[in-house]
Amino acid sequence: MKLKNWLNIWLKDAVKPTLKERTYVRYAKIVVGHISPQLGDEDLDSLTLVKLQGFVSGLFKGGNMRTGGALAASTVNAVITVLQS
C-alpha cells in the first residue's frame, strides 16, 4: 500500500472521529502539503528510517513549497508528529 493511501485512511478513520476538527484540518494540510508530495508514492514496507530522516532534513533545508526555503522548526515538528502518529 502506498503511504498516501494509508494516510488518507488514517485521517478519515483515526483522526477525524477522535480529535478536534482543527487538529484534523491541520493534519490533513500537513499530509497534502508536505508528506504526500514527497513520500506519498512510497510503499509502506519500503519506508526506512534513512528515507524518513532524509525527508525531515530536506524540510529544514528547502521544504517551504512557496518559497523553496527552509520550514520553521515548529512546522517540521508538526510533520514529524503526523508521521509518528
Protein backbone atom coordinates (compact mmCIF):
# COMPACT_ATOMS: atom_id res chain seq x y z
CA MET A 1 0.00 0.00 0.00
CA LYS A 2 1.22 3.49 -0.80
CA LEU A 3 1.86 5.89 2.08
CA LYS A 4 -0.57 8.46 0.65
CA ASN A 5 -3.38 5.89 0.60
CA TRP A 6 -2.68 4.82 4.16
CA LEU A 7 -2.52 8.43 5.34
CA ASN A 8 -5.94 9.15 3.81
CA ILE A 9 -7.41 6.13 5.59
CA TRP A 10 -5.70 7.15 8.84
CA LEU A 11 -7.06 10.71 8.60
CA LYS A 12 -10.61 9.50 7.90
CA ASP A 13 -10.80 6.58 10.33
CA ALA A 14 -8.46 7.50 13.20
CA VAL A 15 -8.01 11.26 13.30
CA LYS A 16 -11.36 12.72 12.29
CA PRO A 17 -13.52 10.72 14.72
CA THR A 18 -11.22 11.13 17.73
CA LEU A 19 -9.58 14.56 17.57
CA LYS A 20 -10.83 18.13 17.30
CA GLU A 21 -11.81 19.37 13.86
CA ARG A 22 -8.98 21.92 13.76
CA THR A 23 -6.46 19.16 14.53
CA TYR A 24 -7.87 17.08 11.69
CA VAL A 25 -7.64 20.05 9.31
CA ARG A 26 -4.05 20.77 10.38
CA TYR A 27 -3.00 17.14 9.94
CA ALA A 28 -4.72 16.97 6.55
CA LYS A 29 -2.86 20.10 5.40
CA ILE A 30 0.43 18.58 6.51
CA VAL A 31 -0.33 15.35 4.65
CA VAL A 32 -1.37 17.13 1.45
CA GLY A 33 1.22 19.90 1.58
CA HIS A 34 4.34 18.16 2.79
CA ILE A 35 4.20 14.39 3.16
CA SER A 36 2.26 13.17 0.12
CA PRO A 37 4.13 15.23 -2.49
CA GLN A 38 7.48 13.79 -1.43
CA LEU A 39 6.77 10.43 0.19
CA GLY A 40 3.22 9.61 -0.89
CA ASP A 41 4.18 7.18 -3.65
CA GLU A 42 6.44 5.15 -1.36
CA ASP A 43 5.22 1.69 -0.42
CA LEU A 44 4.77 1.40 3.33
CA ASP A 45 7.13 -1.54 3.51
CA SER A 46 9.86 0.38 1.66
CA LEU A 47 9.95 3.29 4.12
CA THR A 48 13.10 3.27 6.21
CA LEU A 49 14.48 5.47 8.94
CA VAL A 50 17.10 6.70 6.48
CA LYS A 51 14.41 7.81 3.98
CA LEU A 52 12.38 9.49 6.71
CA GLN A 53 15.42 11.25 8.14
CA GLY A 54 16.35 12.48 4.67
CA PHE A 55 12.82 13.77 4.21
CA VAL A 56 12.90 15.64 7.54
CA SER A 57 16.35 17.07 6.81
CA GLY A 58 15.05 18.27 3.46
CA LEU A 59 12.22 20.11 5.19
CA PHE A 60 14.76 22.07 7.21
CA LYS A 61 16.75 22.93 4.07
CA GLY A 62 14.07 23.62 1.48
CA GLY A 63 10.69 22.31 2.50
CA ASN A 64 8.72 25.50 2.02
CA MET A 65 6.68 24.86 -1.12
CA ARG A 66 6.00 28.55 -1.72
CA THR A 67 9.49 30.00 -1.29
CA GLY A 68 11.76 26.98 -1.59
CA GLY A 69 13.37 27.98 1.69
CA ALA A 70 13.54 26.21 4.99
CA LEU A 71 10.47 25.43 7.05
CA ALA A 72 10.19 26.70 10.59
CA ALA A 73 11.16 24.20 13.27
CA SER A 74 7.58 24.22 14.58
CA THR A 75 6.25 23.18 11.17
CA VAL A 76 8.85 20.43 10.83
CA ASN A 77 7.91 19.21 14.30
CA ALA A 78 4.26 19.12 13.25
CA VAL A 79 5.20 17.00 10.20
CA ILE A 80 7.17 14.66 12.47
CA THR A 81 4.17 14.38 14.79
CA VAL A 82 1.94 13.31 11.91
CA LEU A 83 4.49 10.75 10.74
CA GLN A 84 4.89 9.36 14.23
CA SER A 85 1.14 9.10 14.70
